[in-house]
Amino acid sequence: MKVVKTVADERILYPGATIGGVIGGDDQSSASLIVMAQRMGFKVAMYSLDETNEAMQLADYKYLGPLTDQKALQQFAERCDVITYNSEEIDPEIVRFLSRYTSLPQRDHLLEIMQDRLIERSFFDSLNINMAPYTTVVNLEDVYQGINSIGYPAILKLSSEGY
């Protein structure tokens, strides 16, 4: 009897497969995800600059290096059946690079939206998602105008690059 694999079969991960974690792997949630994946029978590979973080200690396979080391990133990606990330701080270019060598279901397009709060707000507006009022601030005059239109309390955040 001949077994035919379908496209859907290629997206299924079975126990024994290797899940890779990239940026965002240095926190408690990454450590919890690793433990759960291992309980389910998966192997976990981590790529990090810090070999002492908890997630790296729990990983089955450890890859050390900066995110600028394309050779190390390629080796890491080729070792993984799938890679995931749990931080919006990863560079979309790295995600695109890794996806050339393995499956990266999260891709990069939503990551780019999440990294710019103005684009993110426009995206949510397009979906009619109710949000707190906001205004774009470029200079000090914009702060005054924003306070006049929004009122207090108000929070001033960068539109990109973290909090």
C-alpha atoms as a PDB file:
ATOM      1  CA  MET A   1       0.000   0.000   0.000  1.00  0.00           C
ATOM      2  CA  LYS A   2       1.308   3.460  -0.916  1.00  0.00           C
ATOM      3  CA  VAL A   3       1.082   6.271   1.652  1.00  0.00           C
ATOM      4  CA  VAL A   4       0.385   9.680   0.162  1.00  0.00           C
ATOM      5  CA  LYS A   5       1.482  12.747   2.137  1.00  0.00           C
ATOM      6  CA  THR A   6      -0.684  15.793   1.765  1.00  0.00           C
ATOM      7  CA  VAL A   7       0.296  19.430   2.218  1.00  0.00           C
ATOM      8  CA  ALA A   8      -1.627  19.420   5.503  1.00  0.00           C
ATOM      9  CA  ASP A   9       0.549  16.522   6.767  1.00  0.00           C
ATOM     10  CA  GLU A  10       3.662  18.648   6.284  1.00  0.00           C
ATOM     11  CA  ARG A  11       2.356  21.224   8.769  1.00  0.00           C
ATOM     12  CA  ILE A  12       1.871  18.665  11.542  1.00  0.00           C
ATOM     13  CA  LEU A  13       4.598  18.325  14.148  1.00  0.00           C
ATOM     14  CA  TYR A  14       4.878  14.952  15.780  1.00  0.00           C
ATOM     15  CA  PRO A  15       6.613  14.152  19.070  1.00  0.00           C
ATOM     16  CA  GLY A  16      10.340  13.919  18.476  1.00  0.00           C
ATOM     17  CA  ALA A  17      10.350  16.950  16.173  1.00  0.00           C
ATOM     18  CA  THR A  18      12.538  19.887  17.127  1.00  0.00           C
ATOM     19  CA  ILE A  19      11.010  23.260  17.933  1.00  0.00           C
ATOM     20  CA  GLY A  20      13.398  26.198  17.859  1.00  0.00           C
ATOM     21  CA  GLY A  21      13.082  29.345  19.904  1.00  0.00           C
ATOM     22  CA  VAL A  22      14.724  32.638  19.033  1.00  0.00           C
ATOM     23  CA  ILE A  23      14.597  36.114  20.625  1.00  0.00           C
ATOM     24  CA  GLY A  24      12.262  36.308  23.549  1.00  0.00           C
ATOM     25  CA  GLY A  25      13.714  33.065  24.810  1.00  0.00           C
ATOM     26  CA  ASP A  26      15.244  34.756  27.817  1.00  0.00           C
ATOM     27  CA  ASP A  27      12.147  35.046  29.992  1.00  0.00           C
ATOM     28  CA  GLN A  28       9.961  32.873  32.223  1.00  0.00           C
ATOM     29  CA  SER A  29       7.274  32.345  29.576  1.00  0.00           C
ATOM     30  CA  SER A  30       9.872  30.827  27.228  1.00  0.00           C
ATOM     31  CA  ALA A  31      11.041  28.476  29.963  1.00  0.00           C
ATOM     32  CA  SER A  32       7.429  27.388  30.558  1.00  0.00           C
ATOM     33  CA  LEU A  33       6.891  26.802  26.836  1.00  0.00           C
ATOM     34  CA  ILE A  34      10.028  24.661  26.681  1.00  0.00           C
ATOM     35  CA  VAL A  35       8.940  22.510  29.616  1.00  0.00           C
ATOM     36  CA  MET A  36       5.484  21.974  28.061  1.00  0.00           C
ATOM     37  CA  ALA A  37       6.945  21.134  24.646  1.00  0.00           C
ATOM     38  CA  GLN A  38       9.300  18.611  26.219  1.00  0.00           C
ATOM     39  CA  ARG A  39       6.438  17.022  28.201  1.00  0.00           C
ATOM     40  CA  MET A  40       4.630  16.588  24.894  1.00  0.00           C
ATOM     41  CA  GLY A  41       7.653  14.751  23.484  1.00  0.00           C
ATOM     42  CA  PHE A  42       9.272  17.525  21.443  1.00  0.00           C
ATOM     43  CA  LYS A  43      12.914  18.499  21.435  1.00  0.00           C
ATOM     44  CA  VAL A  44      13.666  22.193  21.854  1.00  0.00           C
ATOM     45  CA  ALA A  45      16.553  24.165  20.391  1.00  0.00           C
ATOM     46  CA  MET A  46      17.414  27.648  21.625  1.00  0.00           C
ATOM     47  CA  TYR A  47      19.491  30.386  20.034  1.00  0.00           C
ATOM     48  CA  SER A  48      20.728  33.074  22.385  1.00  0.00           C
ATOM     49  CA  LEU A  49      23.640  35.293  23.231  1.00  0.00           C
ATOM     50  CA  ASP A  50      23.254  34.379  26.919  1.00  0.00           C
ATOM     51  CA  GLU A  51      23.994  30.779  27.814  1.00  0.00           C
ATOM     52  CA  THR A  52      22.992  31.340  31.454  1.00  0.00           C
ATOM     53  CA  ASN A  53      19.299  32.212  30.986  1.00  0.00           C
ATOM     54  CA  GLU A  54      16.758  29.697  32.217  1.00  0.00           C
ATOM     55  CA  ALA A  55      15.304  28.878  28.804  1.00  0.00           C
ATOM     56  CA  MET A  56      18.753  28.125  27.406  1.00  0.00           C
ATOM     57  CA  GLN A  57      19.484  25.838  30.362  1.00  0.00           C
ATOM     58  CA  LEU A  58      16.308  23.833  29.673  1.00  0.00           C
ATOM     59  CA  ALA A  59      16.841  23.466  25.916  1.00  0.00           C
ATOM     60  CA  ASP A  60      17.875  20.156  24.389  1.00  0.00           C
ATOM     61  CA  TYR A  61      20.057  21.900  21.799  1.00  0.00           C
ATOM     62  CA  LYS A  62      21.850  25.168  22.496  1.00  0.00           C
ATOM     63  CA  TYR A  63      23.157  27.593  19.891  1.00  0.00           C
ATOM     64  CA  LEU A  64      25.161  30.559  21.115  1.00  0.00           C
ATOM     65  CA  GLY A  65      25.795  33.630  19.062  1.00  0.00           C
ATOM     66  CA  PRO A  66      24.743  37.103  18.078  1.00  0.00           C
ATOM     67  CA  LEU A  67      21.768  37.611  15.808  1.00  0.00           C
ATOM     68  CA  THR A  68      24.155  39.008  13.219  1.00  0.00           C
ATOM     69  CA  ASP A  69      25.899  35.631  12.753  1.00  0.00           C
ATOM     70  CA  GLN A  70      24.106  34.309   9.674  1.00  0.00           C
ATOM     71  CA  LYS A  71      26.124  31.073   9.554  1.00  0.00           C
ATOM     72  CA  ALA A  72      25.154  30.188  13.146  1.00  0.00           C
ATOM     73  CA  LEU A  73      21.531  31.207  12.506  1.00  0.00           C
ATOM     74  CA  GLN A  74      21.422  29.017   9.407  1.00  0.00           C
ATOM     75  CA  GLN A  75      22.822  26.016  11.326  1.00  0.00           C
ATOM     76  CA  PHE A  76      20.248  26.596  14.052  1.00  0.00           C
ATOM     77  CA  ALA A  77      17.386  26.850  11.549  1.00  0.00           C
ATOM     78  CA  GLU A  78      18.461  23.734   9.672  1.00  0.00           C
ATOM     79  CA  ARG A  79      18.433  21.786  12.966  1.00  0.00           C
ATOM     80  CA  CYS A  80      14.827  22.811  13.721  1.00  0.00           C
ATOM     81  CA  ASP A  81      11.640  21.453  12.181  1.00  0.00           C
ATOM     82  CA  VAL A  82       9.910  24.704  13.090  1.00  0.00           C
ATOM     83  CA  ILE A  83      10.969  27.948  14.764  1.00  0.00           C
ATOM     84  CA  THR A  84       8.839  30.246  16.874  1.00  0.00           C
ATOM     85  CA  TYR A  85       9.409  33.491  18.723  1.00  0.00           C
ATOM     86  CA  ASN A  86       7.536  35.142  21.592  1.00  0.00           C
ATOM     87  CA  SER A  87       8.780  38.699  21.460  1.00  0.00           C
ATOM     88  CA  GLU A  88       7.950  41.573  19.163  1.00  0.00           C
ATOM     89  CA  GLU A  89      11.521  42.808  19.531  1.00  0.00           C
ATOM     90  CA  ILE A  90      13.046  40.416  17.003  1.00  0.00           C
ATOM     91  CA  ASP A  91      14.132  41.988  13.723  1.00  0.00           C
ATOM     92  CA  PRO A  92      11.792  40.942  10.877  1.00  0.00           C
ATOM     93  CA  GLU A  93      14.874  40.519   8.659  1.00  0.00           C
ATOM     94  CA  ILE A  94      16.077  37.721  10.959  1.00  0.00           C
ATOM     95  CA  VAL A  95      12.669  36.047  10.716  1.00  0.00           C
ATOM     96  CA  ARG A  96      12.800  36.256   6.909  1.00  0.00           C
ATOM     97  CA  PHE A  97      16.345  34.856   6.925  1.00  0.00           C
ATOM     98  CA  LEU A  98      15.445  31.913   9.182  1.00  0.00           C
ATOM     99  CA  SER A  99      12.331  31.102   7.147  1.00  0.00           C
ATOM    100  CA  ARG A 100      14.573  30.326   4.158  1.00  0.00           C
ATOM    101  CA  TYR A 101      15.883  27.274   6.051  1.00  0.00           C
ATOM    102  CA  THR A 102      12.905  25.970   8.030  1.00  0.00           C
ATOM    103  CA  SER A 103       9.252  26.549   8.815  1.00  0.00           C
ATOM    104  CA  LEU A 104       8.434  29.736  10.702  1.00  0.00           C
ATOM    105  CA  PRO A 105       4.619  29.833  10.907  1.00  0.00           C
ATOM    106  CA  GLN A 106       4.471  33.238  12.613  1.00  0.00           C
ATOM    107  CA  ARG A 107       6.293  34.810   9.668  1.00  0.00           C
ATOM    108  CA  ASP A 108       7.188  38.480   9.741  1.00  0.00           C
ATOM    109  CA  HIS A 109       4.290  40.614   8.482  1.00  0.00           C
ATOM    110  CA  LEU A 110       2.422  40.848  11.800  1.00  0.00           C
ATOM    111  CA  LEU A 111       5.725  41.367  13.569  1.00  0.00           C
ATOM    112  CA  GLU A 112       6.316  44.515  11.519  1.00  0.00           C
ATOM    113  CA  ILE A 113       2.851  45.777  12.450  1.00  0.00           C
ATOM    114  CA  MET A 114       3.467  45.095  16.150  1.00  0.00           C
ATOM    115  CA  GLN A 115       6.784  46.933  16.112  1.00  0.00           C
ATOM    116  CA  ASP A 116       5.292  50.275  15.135  1.00  0.00           C
ATOM    117  CA  ARG A 117       2.486  51.401  17.418  1.00  0.00           C
ATOM    118  CA  LEU A 118       1.085  53.826  14.840  1.00  0.00           C
ATOM    119  CA  ILE A 119       0.839  51.097  12.206  1.00  0.00           C
ATOM    120  CA  GLU A 120      -0.563  48.772  14.881  1.00  0.00           C
ATOM    121  CA  ARG A 121      -3.243  51.331  15.815  1.00  0.00           C
ATOM    122  CA  SER A 122      -4.156  51.839  12.148  1.00  0.00           C
ATOM    123  CA  PHE A 123      -4.417  48.066  11.759  1.00  0.00           C
ATOM    124  CA  PHE A 124      -6.740  47.820  14.781  1.00  0.00           C
ATOM    125  CA  ASP A 125      -8.762  50.786  13.508  1.00  0.00           C
ATOM    126  CA  SER A 126      -9.210  48.989  10.172  1.00  0.00           C
ATOM    127  CA  LEU A 127     -10.660  46.018  12.085  1.00  0.00           C
ATOM    128  CA  ASN A 128     -12.987  48.308  14.091  1.00  0.00           C
ATOM    129  CA  ILE A 129     -11.375  47.267  17.361  1.00  0.00           C
ATOM    130  CA  ASN A 130     -12.247  49.639  20.187  1.00  0.00           C
ATOM    131  CA  MET A 131      -9.144  51.288  21.652  1.00  0.00           C
ATOM    132  CA  ALA A 132      -8.288  54.070  24.032  1.00  0.00           C
ATOM    133  CA  PRO A 133      -7.953  57.416  22.262  1.00  0.00           C
ATOM    134  CA  TYR A 134      -4.483  58.293  21.017  1.00  0.00           C
ATOM    135  CA  THR A 135      -2.645  60.945  19.073  1.00  0.00           C
ATOM    136  CA  THR A 136       0.653  61.094  17.246  1.00  0.00           C
ATOM    137  CA  VAL A 137       3.305  63.248  18.885  1.00  0.00           C
ATOM    138  CA  VAL A 138       6.271  64.544  16.907  1.00  0.00           C
ATOM    139  CA  ASN A 139       7.089  67.704  18.829  1.00  0.00           C
ATOM    140  CA  LEU A 140       6.193  69.530  22.037  1.00  0.00           C
ATOM    141  CA  GLU A 141       3.253  71.352  20.429  1.00  0.00           C
ATOM    142  CA  ASP A 142       1.745  67.939  19.563  1.00  0.00           C
ATOM    143  CA  VAL A 143       1.883  67.020  23.266  1.00  0.00           C
ATOM    144  CA  TYR A 144      -0.177  70.083  24.182  1.00  0.00           C
ATOM    145  CA  GLN A 145      -2.673  69.457  21.371  1.00  0.00           C
ATOM    146  CA  GLY A 146      -2.940  65.800  22.318  1.00  0.00           C
ATOM    147  CA  ILE A 147      -3.641  66.607  25.961  1.00  0.00           C
ATOM    148  CA  ASN A 148      -6.295  69.121  24.881  1.00  0.00           C
ATOM    149  CA  SER A 149      -8.039  66.512  22.721  1.00  0.00           C
ATOM    150  CA  ILE A 150      -7.536  63.412  24.891  1.00  0.00           C
ATOM    151  CA  GLY A 151      -7.253  64.883  28.370  1.00  0.00           C
ATOM    152  CA  TYR A 152      -5.747  63.341  31.479  1.00  0.00           C
ATOM    153  CA  PRO A 153      -4.605  60.767  32.423  1.00  0.00           C
ATOM    154  CA  ALA A 154      -2.344  60.330  29.401  1.00  0.00           C
ATOM    155  CA  ILE A 155       0.647  58.123  28.668  1.00  0.00           C
ATOM    156  CA  LEU A 156       3.429  59.078  26.294  1.00  0.00           C
ATOM    157  CA  LYS A 157       5.001  56.073  24.511  1.00  0.00           C
ATOM    158  CA  LEU A 158       7.538  55.641  21.754  1.00  0.00           C
ATOM    159  CA  SER A 159       5.966  54.476  18.540  1.00  0.00           C
ATOM    160  CA  SER A 160       8.697  51.850  18.080  1.00  0.00           C
ATOM    161  CA  GLU A 161      11.712  50.217  19.720  1.00  0.00           C
ATOM    162  CA  GLY A 162      10.326  48.936  22.993  1.00  0.00           C
ATOM    163  CA  TYR A 163       8.749  50.698  25.918  1.00  0.00           C
END
